[in-house]
Amino acid sequence: IPEVADSLDLFNTTIPDELTSDLLYGAPDNDFNCKSERNPVVLLHGL
């Protein structure tokens, strides 16, 4: 099988404007100076 990266050249890999302009798009910055009495939480996205 050819390298996966090579096969991706067939696609437009730029992030779509429709996605970045959506109101539901975007996560908070990772603020390592944040303080809380609770454990910090790491969130992991899906496939």
All heavy atoms as atom14 arrays in JSON, in Angstrom:
{
  "sequence": "IPEVADSLDLFNTTIPDELTSDLLYGAPDNDFNCKSERNPVVLLHGL",
  "atom14_mask": [
    [1, 1, 1, 1, 1, 1, 1, 1, 0, 0, 0, 0, 0, 0],
    [1, 1, 1, 1, 1, 1, 1, 0, 0, 0, 0, 0, 0, 0],
    [1, 1, 1, 1, 1, 1, 1, 1, 1, 0, 0, 0, 0, 0],
    [1, 1, 1, 1, 1, 1, 1, 0, 0, 0, 0, 0, 0, 0],
    [1, 1, 1, 1, 1, 0, 0, 0, 0, 0, 0, 0, 0, 0],
    [1, 1, 1, 1, 1, 1, 1, 1, 0, 0, 0, 0, 0, 0],
    [1, 1, 1, 1, 1, 1, 0, 0, 0, 0, 0, 0, 0, 0],
    [1, 1, 1, 1, 1, 1, 1, 1, 0, 0, 0, 0, 0, 0],
    [1, 1, 1, 1, 1, 1, 1, 1, 0, 0, 0, 0, 0, 0],
    [1, 1, 1, 1, 1, 1, 1, 1, 0, 0, 0, 0, 0, 0],
    [1, 1, 1, 1, 1, 1, 1, 1, 1, 1, 1, 0, 0, 0],
    [1, 1, 1, 1, 1, 1, 1, 1, 0, 0, 0, 0, 0, 0],
    [1, 1, 1, 1, 1, 1, 1, 0, 0, 0, 0, 0, 0, 0],
    [1, 1, 1, 1, 1, 1, 1, 0, 0, 0, 0, 0, 0, 0],
    [1, 1, 1, 1, 1, 1, 1, 1, 0, 0, 0, 0, 0, 0],
    [1, 1, 1, 1, 1, 1, 1, 0, 0, 0, 0, 0, 0, 0],
    [1, 1, 1, 1, 1, 1, 1, 1, 0, 0, 0, 0, 0, 0],
    [1, 1, 1, 1, 1, 1, 1, 1, 1, 0, 0, 0, 0, 0],
    [1, 1, 1, 1, 1, 1, 1, 1, 0, 0, 0, 0, 0, 0],
    [1, 1, 1, 1, 1, 1, 1, 0, 0, 0, 0, 0, 0, 0],
    [1, 1, 1, 1, 1, 1, 0, 0, 0, 0, 0, 0, 0, 0],
    [1, 1, 1, 1, 1, 1, 1, 1, 0, 0, 0, 0, 0, 0],
    [1, 1, 1, 1, 1, 1, 1, 1, 0, 0, 0, 0, 0, 0],
    [1, 1, 1, 1, 1, 1, 1, 1, 0, 0, 0, 0, 0, 0],
    [1, 1, 1, 1, 1, 1, 1, 1, 1, 1, 1, 1, 0, 0],
    [1, 1, 1, 1, 0, 0, 0, 0, 0, 0, 0, 0, 0, 0],
    [1, 1, 1, 1, 1, 0, 0, 0, 0, 0, 0, 0, 0, 0],
    [1, 1, 1, 1, 1, 1, 1, 0, 0, 0, 0, 0, 0, 0],
    [1, 1, 1, 1, 1, 1, 1, 1, 0, 0, 0, 0, 0, 0],
    [1, 1, 1, 1, 1, 1, 1, 1, 0, 0, 0, 0, 0, 0],
    [1, 1, 1, 1, 1, 1, 1, 1, 0, 0, 0, 0, 0, 0],
    [1, 1, 1, 1, 1, 1, 1, 1, 1, 1, 1, 0, 0, 0],
    [1, 1, 1, 1, 1, 1, 1, 1, 0, 0, 0, 0, 0, 0],
    [1, 1, 1, 1, 1, 1, 0, 0, 0, 0, 0, 0, 0, 0],
    [1, 1, 1, 1, 1, 1, 1, 1, 1, 0, 0, 0, 0, 0],
    [1, 1, 1, 1, 1, 1, 0, 0, 0, 0, 0, 0, 0, 0],
    [1, 1, 1, 1, 1, 1, 1, 1, 1, 0, 0, 0, 0, 0],
    [1, 1, 1, 1, 1, 1, 1, 1, 1, 1, 1, 0, 0, 0],
    [1, 1, 1, 1, 1, 1, 1, 1, 0, 0, 0, 0, 0, 0],
    [1, 1, 1, 1, 1, 1, 1, 0, 0, 0, 0, 0, 0, 0],
    [1, 1, 1, 1, 1, 1, 1, 0, 0, 0, 0, 0, 0, 0],
    [1, 1, 1, 1, 1, 1, 1, 0, 0, 0, 0, 0, 0, 0],
    [1, 1, 1, 1, 1, 1, 1, 1, 0, 0, 0, 0, 0, 0],
    [1, 1, 1, 1, 1, 1, 1, 1, 0, 0, 0, 0, 0, 0],
    [1, 1, 1, 1, 1, 1, 1, 1, 1, 1, 0, 0, 0, 0],
    [1, 1, 1, 1, 0, 0, 0, 0, 0, 0, 0, 0, 0, 0],
    [1, 1, 1, 1, 1, 1, 1, 1, 0, 0, 0, 0, 0, 0]
  ],
  "atom14_positions": [
    [[0.84, -1.18, 0.0], [0.0, 0.0, 0.0], [0.88, 1.24, 0.0], [1.87, 1.3, 0.74], [-0.9, 0.0, 1.25], [-1.89, -1.17, 1.18], [-1.65, 1.31, 1.4], [-2.86, -1.09, 0.04], [0.0, 0.0, 0.0], [0.0, 0.0, 0.0], [0.0, 0.0, 0.0], [0.0, 0.0, 0.0], [0.0, 0.0, 0.0], [0.0, 0.0, 0.0]],
    [[0.58, 2.26, -0.83], [1.38, 3.47, -0.81], [1.25, 4.18, 0.53], [0.33, 3.94, 1.29], [0.77, 4.31, -1.95], [-0.61, 3.77, -2.12], [-0.53, 2.32, -1.8], [0.0, 0.0, 0.0], [0.0, 0.0, 0.0], [0.0, 0.0, 0.0], [0.0, 0.0, 0.0], [0.0, 0.0, 0.0], [0.0, 0.0, 0.0], [0.0, 0.0, 0.0]],
    [[2.19, 5.08, 0.83], [2.13, 5.84, 2.07], [0.8, 6.57, 2.15], [0.31, 7.14, 1.17], [3.26, 6.86, 2.13], [4.63, 6.24, 2.32], [4.77, 5.56, 3.67], [4.18, 6.07, 4.65], [5.43, 4.52, 3.76], [0.0, 0.0, 0.0], [0.0, 0.0, 0.0], [0.0, 0.0, 0.0], [0.0, 0.0, 0.0], [0.0, 0.0, 0.0]],
    [[0.22, 6.58, 3.35], [-1.08, 7.24, 3.53], [-1.0, 8.71, 3.17], [-1.9, 9.26, 2.55], [-1.55, 7.07, 4.99], [-2.8, 7.89, 5.25], [-1.82, 5.61, 5.28], [0.0, 0.0, 0.0], [0.0, 0.0, 0.0], [0.0, 0.0, 0.0], [0.0, 0.0, 0.0], [0.0, 0.0, 0.0], [0.0, 0.0, 0.0], [0.0, 0.0, 0.0]],
    [[0.1, 9.35, 3.54], [0.23, 10.77, 3.24], [0.15, 11.04, 1.75], [-0.4, 12.04, 1.3], [1.56, 11.31, 3.8], [0.0, 0.0, 0.0], [0.0, 0.0, 0.0], [0.0, 0.0, 0.0], [0.0, 0.0, 0.0], [0.0, 0.0, 0.0], [0.0, 0.0, 0.0], [0.0, 0.0, 0.0], [0.0, 0.0, 0.0], [0.0, 0.0, 0.0]],
    [[0.7, 10.11, 0.93], [0.65, 10.3, -0.51], [-0.79, 10.24, -1.01], [-1.19, 11.0, -1.89], [1.47, 9.21, -1.21], [2.96, 9.36, -0.95], [3.37, 10.47, -0.56], [3.68, 8.36, -1.11], [0.0, 0.0, 0.0], [0.0, 0.0, 0.0], [0.0, 0.0, 0.0], [0.0, 0.0, 0.0], [0.0, 0.0, 0.0], [0.0, 0.0, 0.0]],
    [[-1.57, 9.31, -0.44], [-2.95, 9.18, -0.9], [-3.77, 10.41, -0.54], [-4.73, 10.75, -1.22], [-3.6, 7.93, -0.29], [-3.75, 8.06, 1.1], [0.0, 0.0, 0.0], [0.0, 0.0, 0.0], [0.0, 0.0, 0.0], [0.0, 0.0, 0.0], [0.0, 0.0, 0.0], [0.0, 0.0, 0.0], [0.0, 0.0, 0.0], [0.0, 0.0, 0.0]],
    [[-3.36, 11.12, 0.51], [-4.11, 12.3, 0.92], [-3.92, 13.46, -0.05], [-4.68, 14.42, -0.02], [-3.7, 12.73, 2.33], [-4.19, 11.83, 3.46], [-3.62, 12.31, 4.79], [-5.7, 11.79, 3.52], [0.0, 0.0, 0.0], [0.0, 0.0, 0.0], [0.0, 0.0, 0.0], [0.0, 0.0, 0.0], [0.0, 0.0, 0.0], [0.0, 0.0, 0.0]],
    [[-2.91, 13.41, -0.91], [-2.7, 14.47, -1.89], [-3.88, 14.57, -2.85], [-4.04, 15.58, -3.53], [-1.42, 14.22, -2.68], [-0.18, 14.47, -1.84], [-0.28, 15.2, -0.85], [0.87, 13.92, -2.2], [0.0, 0.0, 0.0], [0.0, 0.0, 0.0], [0.0, 0.0, 0.0], [0.0, 0.0, 0.0], [0.0, 0.0, 0.0], [0.0, 0.0, 0.0]],
    [[-4.71, 13.54, -2.92], [-5.86, 13.55, -3.81], [-6.97, 14.46, -3.3], [-7.9, 14.78, -4.02], [-6.41, 12.13, -3.96], [-5.43, 11.09, -4.54], [-6.08, 9.71, -4.47], [-5.06, 11.44, -5.96], [0.0, 0.0, 0.0], [0.0, 0.0, 0.0], [0.0, 0.0, 0.0], [0.0, 0.0, 0.0], [0.0, 0.0, 0.0], [0.0, 0.0, 0.0]],
    [[-6.89, 14.87, -2.04], [-7.97, 15.6, -1.41], [-7.58, 17.05, -1.16], [-6.41, 17.39, -1.02], [-8.36, 14.96, -0.07], [-8.8, 13.53, -0.19], [-7.9, 12.49, 0.03], [-10.1, 13.21, -0.54], [-8.3, 11.18, -0.08], [-10.51, 11.9, -0.65], [-9.6, 10.88, -0.43], [0.0, 0.0, 0.0], [0.0, 0.0, 0.0], [0.0, 0.0, 0.0]],
    [[-8.6, 17.89, -1.06], [-8.38, 19.24, -0.56], [-8.35, 19.16, 0.95], [-9.36, 18.86, 1.59], [-9.53, 20.16, -1.02], [-9.38, 21.57, -0.46], [-8.4, 21.89, 0.21], [-10.37, 22.4, -0.73], [0.0, 0.0, 0.0], [0.0, 0.0, 0.0], [0.0, 0.0, 0.0], [0.0, 0.0, 0.0], [0.0, 0.0, 0.0], [0.0, 0.0, 0.0]],
    [[-7.19, 19.39, 1.56], [-7.03, 19.15, 2.98], [-7.15, 20.42, 3.82], [-6.83, 20.42, 4.99], [-5.68, 18.49, 3.25], [-4.63, 19.35, 2.77], [-5.59, 17.13, 2.56], [0.0, 0.0, 0.0], [0.0, 0.0, 0.0], [0.0, 0.0, 0.0], [0.0, 0.0, 0.0], [0.0, 0.0, 0.0], [0.0, 0.0, 0.0], [0.0, 0.0, 0.0]],
    [[-7.58, 21.51, 3.2], [-7.77, 22.75, 3.94], [-9.03, 22.66, 4.79], [-10.07, 22.18, 4.33], [-7.89, 23.95, 2.98], [-6.73, 23.99, 2.15], [-8.01, 25.26, 3.75], [0.0, 0.0, 0.0], [0.0, 0.0, 0.0], [0.0, 0.0, 0.0], [0.0, 0.0, 0.0], [0.0, 0.0, 0.0], [0.0, 0.0, 0.0], [0.0, 0.0, 0.0]],
    [[-8.95, 23.14, 6.02], [-10.12, 23.1, 6.88], [-11.24, 23.97, 6.3], [-11.0, 25.12, 5.92], [-9.75, 23.56, 8.32], [-10.93, 23.37, 9.25], [-9.23, 24.97, 8.34], [-10.57, 23.53, 10.71], [0.0, 0.0, 0.0], [0.0, 0.0, 0.0], [0.0, 0.0, 0.0], [0.0, 0.0, 0.0], [0.0, 0.0, 0.0], [0.0, 0.0, 0.0]],
    [[-12.44, 23.46, 6.16], [-13.53, 24.21, 5.51], [-13.96, 25.43, 6.33], [-14.06, 25.37, 7.55], [-14.67, 23.18, 5.44], [-14.03, 21.85, 5.65], [-12.85, 22.09, 6.52], [0.0, 0.0, 0.0], [0.0, 0.0, 0.0], [0.0, 0.0, 0.0], [0.0, 0.0, 0.0], [0.0, 0.0, 0.0], [0.0, 0.0, 0.0], [0.0, 0.0, 0.0]],
    [[-14.22, 26.53, 5.62], [-14.71, 27.73, 6.3], [-16.03, 27.47, 7.0], [-16.33, 28.06, 8.03], [-14.88, 28.87, 5.29], [-13.54, 29.36, 4.75], [-12.51, 29.12, 5.42], [-13.53, 29.95, 3.66], [0.0, 0.0, 0.0], [0.0, 0.0, 0.0], [0.0, 0.0, 0.0], [0.0, 0.0, 0.0], [0.0, 0.0, 0.0], [0.0, 0.0, 0.0]],
    [[-16.84, 26.59, 6.4], [-18.15, 26.29, 6.99], [-18.01, 25.69, 8.39], [-18.87, 25.84, 9.24], [-18.94, 25.31, 6.1], [-19.36, 25.88, 4.76], [-18.25, 25.79, 3.71], [-17.15, 25.31, 4.06], [-18.49, 26.21, 2.56], [0.0, 0.0, 0.0], [0.0, 0.0, 0.0], [0.0, 0.0, 0.0], [0.0, 0.0, 0.0], [0.0, 0.0, 0.0]],
    [[-16.88, 25.01, 8.62], [-16.66, 24.4, 9.92], [-16.17, 25.44, 10.93], [-16.72, 25.55, 12.03], [-15.63, 23.28, 9.8], [-15.29, 22.5, 11.08], [-16.54, 21.85, 11.65], [-14.22, 21.46, 10.81], [0.0, 0.0, 0.0], [0.0, 0.0, 0.0], [0.0, 0.0, 0.0], [0.0, 0.0, 0.0], [0.0, 0.0, 0.0], [0.0, 0.0, 0.0]],
    [[-15.18, 26.22, 10.57], [-14.62, 27.17, 11.51], [-15.58, 28.31, 11.84], [-15.46, 28.93, 12.89], [-13.31, 27.76, 10.98], [-13.55, 28.37, 9.71], [-12.26, 26.67, 10.82], [0.0, 0.0, 0.0], [0.0, 0.0, 0.0], [0.0, 0.0, 0.0], [0.0, 0.0, 0.0], [0.0, 0.0, 0.0], [0.0, 0.0, 0.0], [0.0, 0.0, 0.0]],
    [[-16.52, 28.58, 10.95], [-17.48, 29.66, 11.19], [-18.71, 29.2, 11.95], [-19.54, 30.01, 12.34], [-17.91, 30.29, 9.86], [-18.57, 29.35, 9.04], [0.0, 0.0, 0.0], [0.0, 0.0, 0.0], [0.0, 0.0, 0.0], [0.0, 0.0, 0.0], [0.0, 0.0, 0.0], [0.0, 0.0, 0.0], [0.0, 0.0, 0.0], [0.0, 0.0, 0.0]],
    [[-18.83, 27.9, 12.18], [-19.98, 27.37, 12.91], [-19.91, 27.79, 14.37], [-18.84, 27.78, 14.98], [-20.0, 25.84, 12.8], [-21.33, 25.25, 13.28], [-21.58, 25.29, 14.49], [-22.09, 24.76, 12.44], [0.0, 0.0, 0.0], [0.0, 0.0, 0.0], [0.0, 0.0, 0.0], [0.0, 0.0, 0.0], [0.0, 0.0, 0.0], [0.0, 0.0, 0.0]],
    [[-21.06, 28.13, 14.95], [-21.1, 28.59, 16.34], [-20.68, 27.49, 17.32], [-20.29, 27.79, 18.45], [-22.51, 29.09, 16.68], [-22.96, 30.36, 15.96], [-24.41, 30.7, 16.34], [-22.03, 31.53, 16.29], [0.0, 0.0, 0.0], [0.0, 0.0, 0.0], [0.0, 0.0, 0.0], [0.0, 0.0, 0.0], [0.0, 0.0, 0.0], [0.0, 0.0, 0.0]],
    [[-20.78, 26.24, 16.92], [-20.41, 25.14, 17.79], [-18.94, 24.75, 17.67], [-18.48, 23.82, 18.33], [-21.28, 23.91, 17.5], [-22.78, 24.06, 17.75], [-23.52, 22.78, 17.38], [-23.04, 24.42, 19.21], [0.0, 0.0, 0.0], [0.0, 0.0, 0.0], [0.0, 0.0, 0.0], [0.0, 0.0, 0.0], [0.0, 0.0, 0.0], [0.0, 0.0, 0.0]],
    [[-18.21, 25.46, 16.82], [-16.81, 25.12, 16.59], [-15.92, 25.83, 17.61], [-16.13, 26.98, 17.96], [-16.39, 25.54, 15.18], [-14.94, 25.22, 14.84], [-14.59, 23.97, 14.37], [-13.94, 26.17, 15.02], [-13.26, 23.67, 14.06], [-12.62, 25.88, 14.72], [-12.28, 24.62, 14.24], [-10.97, 24.33, 13.95], [0.0, 0.0, 0.0], [0.0, 0.0, 0.0]],
    [[-14.9, 25.14, 18.07], [-13.89, 25.77, 18.92], [-13.91, 25.27, 20.36], [-14.97, 25.11, 20.96], [0.0, 0.0, 0.0], [0.0, 0.0, 0.0], [0.0, 0.0, 0.0], [0.0, 0.0, 0.0], [0.0, 0.0, 0.0], [0.0, 0.0, 0.0], [0.0, 0.0, 0.0], [0.0, 0.0, 0.0], [0.0, 0.0, 0.0], [0.0, 0.0, 0.0]],
    [[-12.73, 25.01, 20.88], [-12.57, 24.56, 22.27], [-11.81, 25.62, 23.06], [-11.1, 26.45, 22.5], [-11.8, 23.23, 22.3], [0.0, 0.0, 0.0], [0.0, 0.0, 0.0], [0.0, 0.0, 0.0], [0.0, 0.0, 0.0], [0.0, 0.0, 0.0], [0.0, 0.0, 0.0], [0.0, 0.0, 0.0], [0.0, 0.0, 0.0], [0.0, 0.0, 0.0]],
    [[-11.96, 25.6, 24.37], [-11.18, 26.54, 25.2], [-9.68, 26.3, 25.05], [-9.24, 25.19, 24.74], [-11.65, 26.2, 26.63], [-12.93, 25.47, 26.48], [-12.85, 24.75, 25.17], [0.0, 0.0, 0.0], [0.0, 0.0, 0.0], [0.0, 0.0, 0.0], [0.0, 0.0, 0.0], [0.0, 0.0, 0.0], [0.0, 0.0, 0.0], [0.0, 0.0, 0.0]],
    [[-8.9, 27.35, 25.28], [-7.45, 27.19, 25.28], [-7.02, 26.31, 26.45], [-7.7, 26.26, 27.5], [-6.77, 28.56, 25.41], [-6.97, 29.43, 24.18], [-7.2, 28.87, 23.08], [-6.9, 30.67, 24.32], [0.0, 0.0, 0.0], [0.0, 0.0, 0.0], [0.0, 0.0, 0.0], [0.0, 0.0, 0.0], [0.0, 0.0, 0.0], [0.0, 0.0, 0.0]],
    [[-5.92, 25.65, 26.29], [-5.35, 24.88, 27.39], [-4.58, 25.83, 28.31], [-3.48, 26.27, 27.98], [-4.41, 23.79, 26.85], [-5.15, 22.69, 26.12], [-6.26, 22.34, 26.47], [-4.52, 22.14, 25.09], [0.0, 0.0, 0.0], [0.0, 0.0, 0.0], [0.0, 0.0, 0.0], [0.0, 0.0, 0.0], [0.0, 0.0, 0.0], [0.0, 0.0, 0.0]],
    [[-5.18, 26.16, 29.44], [-4.6, 27.12, 30.37], [-3.95, 26.36, 31.52], [-4.62, 25.95, 32.47], [-5.69, 28.06, 30.9], [-5.16, 29.09, 31.88], [-3.92, 29.15, 32.06], [-5.97, 29.81, 32.48], [0.0, 0.0, 0.0], [0.0, 0.0, 0.0], [0.0, 0.0, 0.0], [0.0, 0.0, 0.0], [0.0, 0.0, 0.0], [0.0, 0.0, 0.0]],
    [[-2.65, 26.21, 31.44], [-1.94, 25.44, 32.47], [-1.77, 26.22, 33.77], [-1.29, 25.67, 34.77], [-0.59, 24.98, 31.93], [-0.7, 23.96, 30.84], [-0.5, 24.31, 29.5], [-1.02, 22.64, 31.13], [-0.61, 23.37, 28.49], [-1.14, 21.69, 30.12], [-0.93, 22.06, 28.8], [0.0, 0.0, 0.0], [0.0, 0.0, 0.0], [0.0, 0.0, 0.0]],
    [[-2.17, 27.49, 33.77], [-2.17, 28.28, 35.0], [-3.5, 28.21, 35.73], [-3.67, 28.8, 36.79], [-1.84, 29.75, 34.68], [-0.42, 29.91, 34.17], [0.52, 29.32, 34.7], [-0.26, 30.7, 33.11], [0.0, 0.0, 0.0], [0.0, 0.0, 0.0], [0.0, 0.0, 0.0], [0.0, 0.0, 0.0], [0.0, 0.0, 0.0], [0.0, 0.0, 0.0]],
    [[-4.44, 27.49, 35.15], [-5.77, 27.34, 35.76], [-5.65, 26.65, 37.12], [-4.87, 25.71, 37.29], [-6.67, 26.53, 34.83], [-8.32, 26.18, 35.47], [0.0, 0.0, 0.0], [0.0, 0.0, 0.0], [0.0, 0.0, 0.0], [0.0, 0.0, 0.0], [0.0, 0.0, 0.0], [0.0, 0.0, 0.0], [0.0, 0.0, 0.0], [0.0, 0.0, 0.0]],
    [[-6.45, 27.11, 38.09], [-6.45, 26.54, 39.42], [-7.86, 26.08, 39.78], [-8.83, 26.77, 39.51], [-5.98, 27.56, 40.46], [-4.56, 28.1, 40.21], [-3.52, 26.98, 40.26], [-2.11, 27.53, 40.02], [-1.09, 26.44, 39.97], [0.0, 0.0, 0.0], [0.0, 0.0, 0.0], [0.0, 0.0, 0.0], [0.0, 0.0, 0.0], [0.0, 0.0, 0.0]],
    [[-7.95, 24.9, 40.39], [-9.24, 24.37, 40.8], [-9.02, 23.38, 41.94], [-7.95, 22.75, 42.03], [-9.94, 23.65, 39.64], [-11.13, 23.01, 40.07], [0.0, 0.0, 0.0], [0.0, 0.0, 0.0], [0.0, 0.0, 0.0], [0.0, 0.0, 0.0], [0.0, 0.0, 0.0], [0.0, 0.0, 0.0], [0.0, 0.0, 0.0], [0.0, 0.0, 0.0]],
    [[-10.02, 23.23, 42.79], [-9.94, 22.23, 43.85], [-10.16, 20.82, 43.3], [-9.87, 19.83, 43.96], [-10.98, 22.53, 44.93], [-10.71, 23.83, 45.68], [-11.76, 24.09, 46.75], [-12.72, 23.31, 46.83], [-11.6, 25.07, 47.49], [0.0, 0.0, 0.0], [0.0, 0.0, 0.0], [0.0, 0.0, 0.0], [0.0, 0.0, 0.0], [0.0, 0.0, 0.0]],
    [[-10.7, 20.75, 42.08], [-10.96, 19.45, 41.45], [-9.79, 19.03, 40.57], [-8.96, 19.85, 40.18], [-12.24, 19.53, 40.61], [-13.49, 19.91, 41.4], [-14.71, 19.8, 40.5], [-15.95, 20.04, 41.21], [-16.68, 21.14, 41.13], [-16.28, 22.13, 40.34], [-17.8, 21.26, 41.81], [0.0, 0.0, 0.0], [0.0, 0.0, 0.0], [0.0, 0.0, 0.0]],
    [[-9.77, 17.75, 40.25], [-8.74, 17.27, 39.32], [-8.89, 17.95, 37.97], [-10.01, 18.17, 37.5], [-8.89, 15.75, 39.1], [-8.53, 14.93, 40.31], [-7.93, 15.42, 41.25], [-8.9, 13.66, 40.27], [0.0, 0.0, 0.0], [0.0, 0.0, 0.0], [0.0, 0.0, 0.0], [0.0, 0.0, 0.0], [0.0, 0.0, 0.0], [0.0, 0.0, 0.0]],
    [[-7.78, 18.26, 37.3], [-7.89, 18.7, 35.91], [-8.48, 17.57, 35.07], [-8.28, 16.39, 35.36], [-6.45, 19.01, 35.5], [-5.6, 18.27, 36.48], [-6.38, 18.19, 37.76], [0.0, 0.0, 0.0], [0.0, 0.0, 0.0], [0.0, 0.0, 0.0], [0.0, 0.0, 0.0], [0.0, 0.0, 0.0], [0.0, 0.0, 0.0], [0.0, 0.0, 0.0]],
    [[-9.21, 17.94, 34.01], [-9.89, 16.97, 33.17], [-9.33, 17.04, 31.75], [-9.31, 18.11, 31.14], [-11.42, 17.23, 33.13], [-12.1, 16.19, 32.23], [-12.0, 17.18, 34.54], [0.0, 0.0, 0.0], [0.0, 0.0, 0.0], [0.0, 0.0, 0.0], [0.0, 0.0, 0.0], [0.0, 0.0, 0.0], [0.0, 0.0, 0.0], [0.0, 0.0, 0.0]],
    [[-8.89, 15.91, 31.25], [-8.44, 15.79, 29.86], [-9.6, 15.21, 29.05], [-10.13, 14.15, 29.39], [-7.2, 14.89, 29.74], [-6.9, 14.56, 28.28], [-6.0, 15.56, 30.4], [0.0, 0.0, 0.0], [0.0, 0.0, 0.0], [0.0, 0.0, 0.0], [0.0, 0.0, 0.0], [0.0, 0.0, 0.0], [0.0, 0.0, 0.0], [0.0, 0.0, 0.0]],
    [[-9.98, 15.9, 27.98], [-11.07, 15.44, 27.12], [-10.52, 14.92, 25.8], [-9.66, 15.56, 25.17], [-12.08, 16.56, 26.87], [-12.84, 17.01, 28.13], [-12.24, 18.29, 28.7], [-14.32, 17.2, 27.87], [0.0, 0.0, 0.0], [0.0, 0.0, 0.0], [0.0, 0.0, 0.0], [0.0, 0.0, 0.0], [0.0, 0.0, 0.0], [0.0, 0.0, 0.0]],
    [[-11.03, 13.76, 25.37], [-10.53, 13.09, 24.17], [-11.64, 12.9, 23.16], [-12.67, 12.27, 23.45], [-9.95, 11.72, 24.55], [-8.81, 11.74, 25.58], [-8.42, 10.32, 25.97], [-7.6, 12.5, 25.03], [0.0, 0.0, 0.0], [0.0, 0.0, 0.0], [0.0, 0.0, 0.0], [0.0, 0.0, 0.0], [0.0, 0.0, 0.0], [0.0, 0.0, 0.0]],
    [[-11.45, 13.44, 21.96], [-12.44, 13.38, 20.89], [-12.54, 12.0, 20.28], [-11.73, 11.1, 20.57], [-12.1, 14.41, 19.81], [-10.77, 14.15, 19.16], [-10.57, 13.17, 18.21], [-9.55, 14.75, 19.32], [-9.32, 13.17, 17.81], [-8.66, 14.11, 18.48], [0.0, 0.0, 0.0], [0.0, 0.0, 0.0], [0.0, 0.0, 0.0], [0.0, 0.0, 0.0]],
    [[-13.49, 11.82, 19.38], [-13.72, 10.54, 18.73], [-13.08, 10.46, 17.36], [-12.33, 11.34, 16.91], [0.0, 0.0, 0.0], [0.0, 0.0, 0.0], [0.0, 0.0, 0.0], [0.0, 0.0, 0.0], [0.0, 0.0, 0.0], [0.0, 0.0, 0.0], [0.0, 0.0, 0.0], [0.0, 0.0, 0.0], [0.0, 0.0, 0.0], [0.0, 0.0, 0.0]],
    [[-13.4, 9.37, 16.67], [-12.85, 9.07, 15.34], [-13.21, 10.15, 14.33], [-14.36, 10.57, 14.23], [-13.41, 7.72, 14.88], [-12.98, 7.2, 13.52], [-11.51, 6.82, 13.54], [-13.83, 6.01, 13.12], [0.0, 0.0, 0.0], [0.0, 0.0, 0.0], [0.0, 0.0, 0.0], [0.0, 0.0, 0.0], [0.0, 0.0, 0.0], [0.0, 0.0, 0.0]]
  ]
}
